[in-house]
């Protein structure tokens, strides 16, 4: 028997013993490190962007006049209401 060789050079652990578990933990460790780095980079990237309007699904805030035009086009408000609200916005 060779000194320190154990079972066929595996140190007594075998191919699917502690050596395999060690590889799994190493992969999990590096996977978590990479995911953490990606999350930090995304967070830093978002910090540099201007804030968007709330409730718009992440898009740019819609102008009040555009909302008014859309409401008039849908028939939600009359022509008189549209003109009055347009004057209020101007």
C-alpha atoms as a PDB file:
ATOM      1  CA  UNK A   1       0.000   0.000   0.000  1.00  0.00           C
ATOM      2  CA  UNK A   2       1.277   3.478  -0.847  1.00  0.00           C
ATOM      3  CA  UNK A   3       1.570   6.038   1.937  1.00  0.00           C
ATOM      4  CA  UNK A   4      -1.374   8.457   2.017  1.00  0.00           C
ATOM      5  CA  UNK A   5      -2.901   6.835  -1.044  1.00  0.00           C
ATOM      6  CA  UNK A   6      -5.879   5.294   0.654  1.00  0.00           C
ATOM      7  CA  UNK A   7      -8.274   3.514  -1.673  1.00  0.00           C
ATOM      8  CA  UNK A   8      -6.921   3.890  -5.181  1.00  0.00           C
ATOM      9  CA  UNK A   9      -5.644   7.418  -4.573  1.00  0.00           C
ATOM     10  CA  UNK A  10      -8.945   8.919  -3.388  1.00  0.00           C
ATOM     11  CA  UNK A  11      -7.866   9.347   0.201  1.00  0.00           C
ATOM     12  CA  UNK A  12     -10.486   6.872   1.399  1.00  0.00           C
ATOM     13  CA  UNK A  13     -13.517   8.904   0.332  1.00  0.00           C
ATOM     14  CA  UNK A  14     -14.334   7.200  -2.949  1.00  0.00           C
ATOM     15  CA  UNK A  15     -15.660   8.834  -6.102  1.00  0.00           C
ATOM     16  CA  UNK A  16     -19.111   9.622  -4.675  1.00  0.00           C
ATOM     17  CA  UNK A  17     -18.246  10.180  -1.050  1.00  0.00           C
ATOM     18  CA  UNK A  18     -17.155  13.467   0.522  1.00  0.00           C
ATOM     19  CA  UNK A  19     -15.364  14.436  -2.679  1.00  0.00           C
ATOM     20  CA  UNK A  20     -18.654  14.605  -4.590  1.00  0.00           C
ATOM     21  CA  UNK A  21     -20.387  16.508  -1.798  1.00  0.00           C
ATOM     22  CA  UNK A  22     -17.464  18.904  -1.692  1.00  0.00           C
ATOM     23  CA  UNK A  23     -17.883  19.625  -5.419  1.00  0.00           C
ATOM     24  CA  UNK A  24     -21.595  20.289  -4.923  1.00  0.00           C
ATOM     25  CA  UNK A  25     -20.914  22.736  -2.098  1.00  0.00           C
ATOM     26  CA  UNK A  26     -18.203  24.443  -4.135  1.00  0.00           C
ATOM     27  CA  UNK A  27     -20.575  24.861  -7.098  1.00  0.00           C
ATOM     28  CA  UNK A  28     -23.296  26.214  -4.795  1.00  0.00           C
ATOM     29  CA  UNK A  29     -20.835  28.629  -3.192  1.00  0.00           C
ATOM     30  CA  UNK A  30     -19.602  30.039  -6.500  1.00  0.00           C
ATOM     31  CA  UNK A  31     -23.139  30.108  -7.889  1.00  0.00           C
ATOM     32  CA  UNK A  32     -24.269  32.228  -4.938  1.00  0.00           C
ATOM     33  CA  UNK A  33     -21.255  34.522  -5.369  1.00  0.00           C
ATOM     34  CA  UNK A  34     -22.092  35.047  -9.063  1.00  0.00           C
ATOM     35  CA  UNK A  35     -25.805  35.621  -8.385  1.00  0.00           C
ATOM     36  CA  UNK A  36     -24.912  38.096  -5.644  1.00  0.00           C
ATOM     37  CA  UNK A  37     -22.590  39.996  -7.968  1.00  0.00           C
ATOM     38  CA  UNK A  38     -25.257  40.155 -10.677  1.00  0.00           C
ATOM     39  CA  UNK A  39     -27.807  41.492  -8.182  1.00  0.00           C
ATOM     40  CA  UNK A  40     -25.373  44.139  -6.919  1.00  0.00           C
ATOM     41  CA  UNK A  41     -24.546  45.261 -10.461  1.00  0.00           C
ATOM     42  CA  UNK A  42     -28.251  45.478 -11.361  1.00  0.00           C
ATOM     43  CA  UNK A  43     -28.968  47.470  -8.193  1.00  0.00           C
ATOM     44  CA  UNK A  44     -26.114  49.873  -8.936  1.00  0.00           C
ATOM     45  CA  UNK A  45     -27.287  50.182 -12.541  1.00  0.00           C
ATOM     46  CA  UNK A  46     -30.824  51.077 -11.390  1.00  0.00           C
ATOM     47  CA  UNK A  47     -29.461  53.682  -8.978  1.00  0.00           C
ATOM     48  CA  UNK A  48     -28.145  55.691 -11.930  1.00  0.00           C
ATOM     49  CA  UNK A  49     -31.502  55.802 -13.712  1.00  0.00           C
ATOM     50  CA  UNK A  50     -34.046  58.567 -13.152  1.00  0.00           C
ATOM     51  CA  UNK A  51     -37.164  57.634 -11.220  1.00  0.00           C
ATOM     52  CA  UNK A  52     -40.237  56.689 -13.253  1.00  0.00           C
ATOM     53  CA  UNK A  53     -43.863  57.469 -12.569  1.00  0.00           C
ATOM     54  CA  UNK A  54     -45.694  55.213 -10.146  1.00  0.00           C
ATOM     55  CA  UNK A  55     -48.176  52.749 -11.570  1.00  0.00           C
ATOM     56  CA  UNK A  56     -47.026  53.049 -15.169  1.00  0.00           C
ATOM     57  CA  UNK A  57     -45.426  49.631 -15.317  1.00  0.00           C
ATOM     58  CA  UNK A  58     -41.908  51.014 -15.287  1.00  0.00           C
ATOM     59  CA  UNK A  59     -42.445  53.208 -18.333  1.00  0.00           C
ATOM     60  CA  UNK A  60     -42.220  56.973 -18.538  1.00  0.00           C
ATOM     61  CA  UNK A  61     -44.916  58.966 -16.764  1.00  0.00           C
ATOM     62  CA  UNK A  62     -47.786  59.901 -19.053  1.00  0.00           C
ATOM     63  CA  UNK A  63     -48.508  63.599 -19.642  1.00  0.00           C
ATOM     64  CA  UNK A  64     -51.839  64.867 -18.240  1.00  0.00           C
ATOM     65  CA  UNK A  65     -52.886  66.225 -21.637  1.00  0.00           C
ATOM     66  CA  UNK A  66     -52.363  62.783 -23.195  1.00  0.00           C
ATOM     67  CA  UNK A  67     -54.598  61.234 -20.536  1.00  0.00           C
ATOM     68  CA  UNK A  68     -57.245  63.892 -21.214  1.00  0.00           C
ATOM     69  CA  UNK A  69     -57.122  63.266 -24.968  1.00  0.00           C
ATOM     70  CA  UNK A  70     -57.459  59.522 -24.420  1.00  0.00           C
ATOM     71  CA  UNK A  71     -60.461  59.998 -22.118  1.00  0.00           C
ATOM     72  CA  UNK A  72     -62.156  62.233 -24.704  1.00  0.00           C
ATOM     73  CA  UNK A  73     -61.419  59.721 -27.477  1.00  0.00           C
ATOM     74  CA  UNK A  74     -63.012  56.931 -25.427  1.00  0.00           C
ATOM     75  CA  UNK A  75     -66.111  59.039 -24.845  1.00  0.00           C
ATOM     76  CA  UNK A  76     -65.598  59.235 -21.082  1.00  0.00           C
ATOM     77  CA  UNK A  77     -65.929  63.038 -21.128  1.00  0.00           C
ATOM     78  CA  UNK A  78     -67.863  65.460 -23.321  1.00  0.00           C
ATOM     79  CA  UNK A  79     -66.401  68.146 -25.596  1.00  0.00           C
ATOM     80  CA  UNK A  80     -67.248  70.849 -23.034  1.00  0.00           C
ATOM     81  CA  UNK A  81     -65.536  68.924 -20.238  1.00  0.00           C
ATOM     82  CA  UNK A  82     -62.535  68.321 -22.488  1.00  0.00           C
ATOM     83  CA  UNK A  83     -62.209  72.037 -23.340  1.00  0.00           C
ATOM     84  CA  UNK A  84     -62.612  73.104 -19.711  1.00  0.00           C
ATOM     85  CA  UNK A  85     -60.056  70.571 -18.442  1.00  0.00           C
ATOM     86  CA  UNK A  86     -57.645  71.474 -21.234  1.00  0.00           C
ATOM     87  CA  UNK A  87     -57.853  75.141 -20.158  1.00  0.00           C
ATOM     88  CA  UNK A  88     -57.194  74.112 -16.552  1.00  0.00           C
ATOM     89  CA  UNK A  89     -54.076  72.202 -17.614  1.00  0.00           C
ATOM     90  CA  UNK A  90     -52.682  75.025 -19.751  1.00  0.00           C
END
